[in-house]
Amino acid sequence: MNPIRERSMVSNSKKGAAKNKREQPAESPVAVEPAVFHPSHDEVARLAYRFWENEGRSDGDQEHYWHKAEAQLRAIGPS
């Protein structure tokens, strides 16, 4: 085979390989969910108990104090 033609064929095959790399679609970015802080049961219980004591120890408001404690602990994040 002709040496000039042989070099041309090698050159073309390298160009084709480079072209194929460019034609591949870029990978789409992976969606990352923000980390959500989940306070422990004991942390929520201690804070809910403090709320309950500070607001007069009323009966029947357990869920209110629990949710209030969870919300506050999530807002301030891990300690």
Protein backbone atom coordinates (compact mmCIF):
# COMPACT_ATOMS: atom_id res chain seq x y z
CA MET A 1 0.00 0.00 0.00
CA ASN A 2 1.07 3.54 -0.66
CA PRO A 3 2.66 5.13 2.51
CA ILE A 4 0.90 8.44 1.93
CA ARG A 5 -2.48 6.77 1.57
CA GLU A 6 -1.77 4.66 4.66
CA ARG A 7 -1.07 7.78 6.77
CA SER A 8 -4.23 9.37 5.44
CA MET A 9 -6.29 6.35 6.48
CA VAL A 10 -4.82 6.39 10.02
CA SER A 11 -5.43 10.12 10.25
CA ASN A 12 -9.04 9.70 9.14
CA SER A 13 -9.69 6.91 11.63
CA LYS A 14 -8.40 9.12 14.49
CA LYS A 15 -10.63 11.96 13.33
CA GLY A 16 -13.60 9.60 13.22
CA ALA A 17 -12.92 8.41 16.77
CA ALA A 18 -12.69 11.99 18.02
CA LYS A 19 -15.87 12.90 16.18
CA ASN A 20 -17.73 9.97 17.77
CA LYS A 21 -16.71 11.14 21.23
CA ARG A 22 -18.14 14.59 20.57
CA GLU A 23 -21.40 13.25 19.19
CA GLN A 24 -22.28 11.31 22.34
CA PRO A 25 -24.89 13.11 24.40
CA ALA A 26 -23.70 14.54 27.67
CA GLU A 27 -24.84 12.71 30.76
CA SER A 28 -27.70 14.47 32.45
CA PRO A 29 -26.95 15.73 35.95
CA VAL A 30 -28.23 13.60 38.78
CA ALA A 31 -30.79 15.32 40.95
CA VAL A 32 -29.68 15.33 44.55
CA GLU A 33 -32.28 15.78 47.23
CA PRO A 34 -31.27 18.11 50.01
CA ALA A 35 -30.52 16.33 53.25
CA VAL A 36 -33.39 16.49 55.70
CA PHE A 37 -32.56 16.48 59.39
CA HIS A 38 -34.60 14.00 61.42
CA PRO A 39 -34.31 14.65 65.15
CA SER A 40 -34.31 11.60 67.39
CA HIS A 41 -37.39 10.51 69.31
CA ASP A 42 -35.71 11.48 72.59
CA GLU A 43 -34.79 14.97 71.36
CA VAL A 44 -38.36 15.64 70.27
CA ALA A 45 -39.78 14.19 73.49
CA ARG A 46 -37.55 16.36 75.72
CA LEU A 47 -38.42 19.56 73.85
CA ALA A 48 -42.13 18.72 73.67
CA TYR A 49 -42.10 18.10 77.43
CA ARG A 50 -40.49 21.51 78.01
CA PHE A 51 -43.14 23.19 75.83
CA TRP A 52 -45.87 21.36 77.74
CA GLU A 53 -44.42 22.43 81.11
CA ASN A 54 -43.90 26.04 80.04
CA GLU A 55 -47.46 26.34 78.75
CA GLY A 56 -49.16 25.14 81.93
CA ARG A 57 -49.25 21.32 81.51
CA SER A 58 -52.65 21.31 79.82
CA ASP A 59 -54.23 17.95 78.98
CA GLY A 60 -54.96 16.83 75.43
CA ASP A 61 -52.32 18.85 73.58
CA GLN A 62 -49.65 16.15 73.21
CA GLU A 63 -49.65 16.18 69.40
CA HIS A 64 -49.47 19.98 69.31
CA TYR A 65 -46.34 20.02 71.48
CA TRP A 66 -44.80 17.08 69.61
CA HIS A 67 -45.25 18.73 66.19
CA LYS A 68 -44.05 22.07 67.53
CA ALA A 69 -40.90 20.41 68.91
CA GLU A 70 -40.23 18.51 65.67
CA ALA A 71 -40.63 21.67 63.60
CA GLN A 72 -38.28 23.67 65.82
CA LEU A 73 -35.62 20.96 65.86
CA ARG A 74 -35.74 20.57 62.07
CA ALA A 75 -35.48 24.34 61.64
CA ILE A 76 -32.32 24.60 63.73
CA GLY A 77 -30.75 21.44 62.27
CA PRO A 78 -28.33 19.02 63.87
CA SER A 79 -26.41 20.22 66.90
